[in-house]
Amino acid sequence: MKKFIQIAFIILFSFSIQAQDQKAKNLLNQVTSKVKSYNNIVIDFKYSLNNAKENINQDSKGNVTMKGNQYVLNFMGITKIFDGKKTYTIVPEDEEVTISSVNEKDDNAVTPSKMLTFFNSGYKYYMDAVQDIRGRKIQYIKLVPTSSRDQRKEILLGIDVQTKHIYNLIEVGKKGTKTTLTVNSFKTNQPLSKNQFTFAQSKYPNYYINKLD
C-alpha cells in the first residue's frame, strides 16, 4: 500500500509539472503572437549588470526601434542600424562606422527582434512566481538552457499578464553574474520616417568607414 501511494504521488506530480509546462508554453506563444502582430515597436529600457563576487554594479539605459527585422538600437553611446541587409555600427567616441553583412537565416545571429522571441527554442520552461509591480501583474517563467555549453544557469522572463508584453528579463550566469533588462516603455505602431532604418553616410563626414565585407 505504501509503495502504491508513492507511485500514485509520483504520477500526480508529473501530471502537475506537465500541466504547468503547457501553461508556460501557452503564455510564451501569446507573447510571440502579440509581438508579430505589430507593424513596429519602440522600446526604452534599462540594463543592469551585477556580480557580488567581483563587486561589479553597472546600469545603462537604451532604446530600440524595430520593424520586421530592421532596427535602430542606441545603447552605451553606440548606435546600431540594420536595414535588412547590412549592419552599421556607429561609434561617436572613435568617429568610426563599421559596416558588415548579416545572414538573417543564421540562427546564431542575435538581433533586437529576436530578443523578443528568443525563448522559442533551446530552453526548458516552467511557470514561476507572480509579482505585483506597481499595479501590474507580472508572471515569471523560468527558462533553463538545454545546452550544457550555455554559460547561463537560468533566465527569468517577466510577462505582463494583461498586455502579454515582456516586462523584464533576468539572466543568472553560472559564475554568479546577474543581468537584468527592464522595459521602461513599450510603444507600438508609431509613425516612423521612411528613412528610419537607412544609414546616411553624409551625416558622418569625418568618420572612418570600416567595411568588413
Protein backbone atom coordinates (compact mmCIF):
# COMPACT_ATOMS: atom_id res chain seq x y z
CA MET A 1 0.00 0.00 0.00
CA LYS A 2 2.81 2.40 0.90
CA LYS A 3 4.55 1.70 -2.40
CA PHE A 4 1.28 2.22 -4.27
CA ILE A 5 0.79 5.63 -2.61
CA GLN A 6 4.35 6.66 -3.56
CA ILE A 7 3.78 5.65 -7.19
CA ALA A 8 0.44 7.48 -7.27
CA PHE A 9 2.09 10.61 -5.85
CA ILE A 10 4.84 10.49 -8.50
CA ILE A 11 2.28 10.13 -11.29
CA LEU A 12 0.16 13.01 -9.98
CA PHE A 13 3.25 15.19 -9.54
CA SER A 14 4.42 14.50 -13.09
CA PHE A 15 0.98 15.43 -14.45
CA SER A 16 1.12 18.67 -12.45
CA ILE A 17 4.54 19.58 -13.90
CA GLN A 18 3.37 18.79 -17.44
CA ALA A 19 0.31 20.98 -16.94
CA GLN A 20 2.49 23.84 -15.71
CA ASP A 21 4.88 23.42 -18.65
CA GLN A 22 1.95 23.60 -21.07
CA LYS A 23 0.66 26.71 -19.31
CA ALA A 24 4.11 28.31 -19.67
CA LYS A 25 4.26 27.34 -23.36
CA ASN A 26 0.80 28.83 -23.98
CA LEU A 27 1.81 32.13 -22.38
CA LEU A 28 5.07 32.29 -24.41
CA ASN A 29 3.07 31.61 -27.58
CA GLN A 30 0.77 34.52 -26.74
CA VAL A 31 3.79 36.81 -26.28
CA THR A 32 5.19 35.75 -29.67
CA SER A 33 1.84 36.28 -31.42
CA LYS A 34 1.45 39.73 -29.86
CA VAL A 35 4.95 40.82 -30.95
CA LYS A 36 4.36 39.64 -34.53
CA SER A 37 1.02 41.48 -34.74
CA TYR A 38 2.60 44.95 -34.53
CA ASN A 39 3.79 46.98 -37.51
CA ASN A 40 6.63 48.40 -35.42
CA ILE A 41 7.80 48.51 -31.80
CA VAL A 42 9.67 51.24 -29.89
CA ILE A 43 11.20 50.29 -26.54
CA ASP A 44 13.04 52.28 -23.87
CA PHE A 45 14.90 50.01 -21.49
CA LYS A 46 17.27 49.83 -18.52
CA TYR A 47 20.12 47.32 -18.39
CA SER A 48 21.81 46.31 -15.13
CA LEU A 49 24.88 44.11 -14.64
CA ASN A 50 25.72 42.78 -11.16
CA ASN A 51 28.34 40.42 -9.79
CA ALA A 52 28.73 40.43 -5.99
CA LYS A 53 31.97 38.42 -6.05
CA GLU A 54 33.64 40.83 -8.47
CA ASN A 55 31.97 43.87 -6.87
CA ILE A 56 30.51 44.92 -10.23
CA ASN A 57 27.37 47.06 -10.44
CA GLN A 58 26.64 48.78 -13.74
CA ASP A 59 23.47 50.44 -15.01
CA SER A 60 22.82 51.66 -18.54
CA LYS A 61 19.83 52.93 -20.48
CA GLY A 62 18.97 52.47 -24.12
CA ASN A 63 16.24 52.40 -26.72
CA VAL A 64 15.42 50.41 -29.82
CA THR A 65 13.05 50.88 -32.75
CA MET A 66 12.07 47.73 -34.67
CA LYS A 67 10.08 47.00 -37.80
CA GLY A 68 10.22 43.44 -39.08
CA ASN A 69 13.88 42.51 -39.00
CA GLN A 70 15.05 46.13 -39.32
CA TYR A 71 16.10 48.10 -36.27
CA VAL A 72 17.88 51.11 -34.79
CA LEU A 73 19.49 50.44 -31.41
CA ASN A 74 21.01 53.12 -29.17
CA PHE A 75 22.95 51.70 -26.23
CA MET A 76 26.01 52.74 -24.22
CA GLY A 77 26.82 55.61 -26.60
CA ILE A 78 26.75 53.41 -29.70
CA THR A 79 24.13 53.39 -32.47
CA LYS A 80 23.47 50.24 -34.47
CA ILE A 81 21.34 50.28 -37.62
CA PHE A 82 20.20 47.22 -39.53
CA ASP A 83 18.49 47.99 -42.85
CA GLY A 84 17.62 44.39 -43.65
CA LYS A 85 20.89 43.60 -45.40
CA LYS A 86 23.76 45.33 -43.62
CA THR A 87 24.54 46.42 -40.08
CA TYR A 88 26.01 49.87 -39.45
CA THR A 89 27.69 50.30 -36.06
CA ILE A 90 28.30 53.97 -35.31
CA VAL A 91 30.80 54.83 -32.54
CA PRO A 92 30.98 58.63 -31.99
CA GLU A 93 33.80 58.31 -29.44
CA ASP A 94 36.08 56.76 -32.09
CA GLU A 95 34.47 58.59 -35.04
CA GLU A 96 34.11 55.26 -36.79
CA VAL A 97 31.38 53.40 -38.64
CA THR A 98 31.68 49.64 -39.15
CA ILE A 99 29.61 48.11 -41.95
CA SER A 100 29.01 44.38 -42.13
CA SER A 101 26.59 41.95 -43.76
CA VAL A 102 24.27 39.81 -41.66
CA ASN A 103 22.76 36.48 -42.60
CA GLU A 104 19.29 36.71 -41.08
CA LYS A 105 18.76 32.98 -41.68
CA ASP A 106 21.60 32.26 -39.28
CA ASP A 107 20.00 31.08 -36.03
CA ASN A 108 23.04 32.36 -34.13
CA ALA A 109 22.58 35.91 -35.42
CA VAL A 110 21.34 37.98 -32.46
CA THR A 111 19.04 40.89 -33.30
CA PRO A 112 16.70 43.03 -31.14
CA SER A 113 13.63 41.49 -32.77
CA LYS A 114 14.85 38.00 -31.89
CA MET A 115 15.33 39.12 -28.29
CA LEU A 116 11.54 39.29 -28.00
CA THR A 117 11.09 35.72 -29.24
CA PHE A 118 14.42 34.05 -28.33
CA PHE A 119 12.68 31.63 -25.98
CA ASN A 120 11.02 29.62 -28.75
CA SER A 121 13.86 27.09 -28.91
CA GLY A 122 16.79 25.92 -26.82
CA TYR A 123 15.12 26.08 -23.40
CA LYS A 124 13.06 24.13 -20.92
CA TYR A 125 10.46 26.37 -19.33
CA TYR A 126 8.43 26.34 -16.14
CA MET A 127 5.87 28.63 -14.54
CA ASP A 128 7.46 30.58 -11.70
CA ALA A 129 6.36 33.31 -9.27
CA VAL A 130 3.76 36.03 -9.83
CA GLN A 131 4.57 39.55 -8.65
CA ASP A 132 2.53 42.73 -8.35
CA ILE A 133 4.75 45.53 -9.66
CA ARG A 134 3.20 49.00 -9.47
CA GLY A 135 -0.26 47.57 -10.02
CA ARG A 136 0.80 45.29 -12.86
CA LYS A 137 0.55 41.51 -12.53
CA ILE A 138 3.86 40.08 -13.75
CA GLN A 139 4.03 36.33 -14.35
CA TYR A 140 7.56 34.93 -14.38
CA ILE A 141 8.59 31.96 -16.48
CA LYS A 142 11.85 30.19 -15.69
CA LEU A 143 13.87 29.25 -18.77
CA VAL A 144 16.68 26.71 -18.40
CA PRO A 145 19.10 26.40 -21.37
CA THR A 146 19.24 22.87 -22.80
CA SER A 147 22.85 23.25 -23.95
CA SER A 148 25.49 22.37 -21.33
CA ARG A 149 27.82 24.87 -23.03
CA ASP A 150 25.50 27.77 -22.24
CA GLN A 151 27.08 29.93 -19.53
CA ARG A 152 23.67 30.94 -18.19
CA LYS A 153 22.22 28.96 -15.31
CA GLU A 154 18.69 30.20 -15.85
CA ILE A 155 16.61 33.05 -17.20
CA LEU A 156 13.53 34.57 -15.59
CA LEU A 157 11.20 36.15 -18.12
CA GLY A 158 8.64 38.55 -16.62
CA ILE A 159 5.46 38.89 -18.66
CA ASP A 160 2.68 41.42 -18.10
CA VAL A 161 -0.38 39.17 -17.81
CA GLN A 162 -2.77 41.80 -19.20
CA THR A 163 -0.79 43.10 -22.21
CA LYS A 164 1.27 39.94 -22.92
CA HIS A 165 4.32 42.21 -23.26
CA ILE A 166 7.71 41.36 -21.79
CA TYR A 167 8.31 43.46 -18.67
CA ASN A 168 11.80 42.29 -17.80
CA LEU A 169 14.37 39.60 -18.40
CA ILE A 170 16.76 38.38 -15.69
CA GLU A 171 19.74 36.24 -16.67
CA VAL A 172 21.68 34.37 -13.97
CA GLY A 173 25.12 33.17 -15.02
CA LYS A 174 26.82 30.02 -13.77
CA LYS A 175 29.62 32.19 -12.33
CA GLY A 176 27.32 34.48 -10.37
CA THR A 177 26.79 37.28 -12.88
CA LYS A 178 23.25 38.63 -12.99
CA THR A 179 21.98 40.86 -15.77
CA THR A 180 18.55 42.47 -15.83
CA LEU A 181 16.85 44.16 -18.75
CA THR A 182 13.74 46.11 -17.74
CA VAL A 183 11.34 47.63 -20.25
CA ASN A 184 10.52 51.20 -19.18
CA SER A 185 8.18 51.90 -22.09
CA PHE A 186 6.74 49.71 -24.85
CA LYS A 187 5.13 51.59 -27.73
CA THR A 188 3.68 50.06 -30.87
CA ASN A 189 2.64 51.14 -34.37
CA GLN A 190 4.39 54.50 -34.13
CA PRO A 191 4.71 56.96 -37.06
CA LEU A 192 8.23 56.37 -38.40
CA SER A 193 10.27 58.20 -41.02
CA LYS A 194 10.65 56.38 -44.35
CA ASN A 195 14.42 56.69 -43.78
CA GLN A 196 14.23 55.40 -40.20
CA PHE A 197 16.42 52.38 -40.95
CA THR A 198 18.64 53.96 -43.63
CA PHE A 199 22.29 54.79 -42.93
CA ALA A 200 23.19 58.27 -44.26
CA GLN A 201 26.96 58.48 -44.66
CA SER A 202 26.70 62.23 -45.27
CA LYS A 203 25.89 62.68 -41.56
CA TYR A 204 29.36 61.39 -40.65
CA PRO A 205 31.77 63.28 -42.96
CA ASN A 206 34.85 62.89 -40.76
CA TYR A 207 34.24 59.32 -39.65
CA TYR A 208 36.39 56.40 -40.69
CA ILE A 209 34.24 53.93 -42.65
CA ASN A 210 35.30 50.37 -41.90
CA LYS A 211 33.78 47.91 -44.39
CA LEU A 212 34.22 44.33 -43.24
CA ASP A 213 32.97 42.76 -46.47
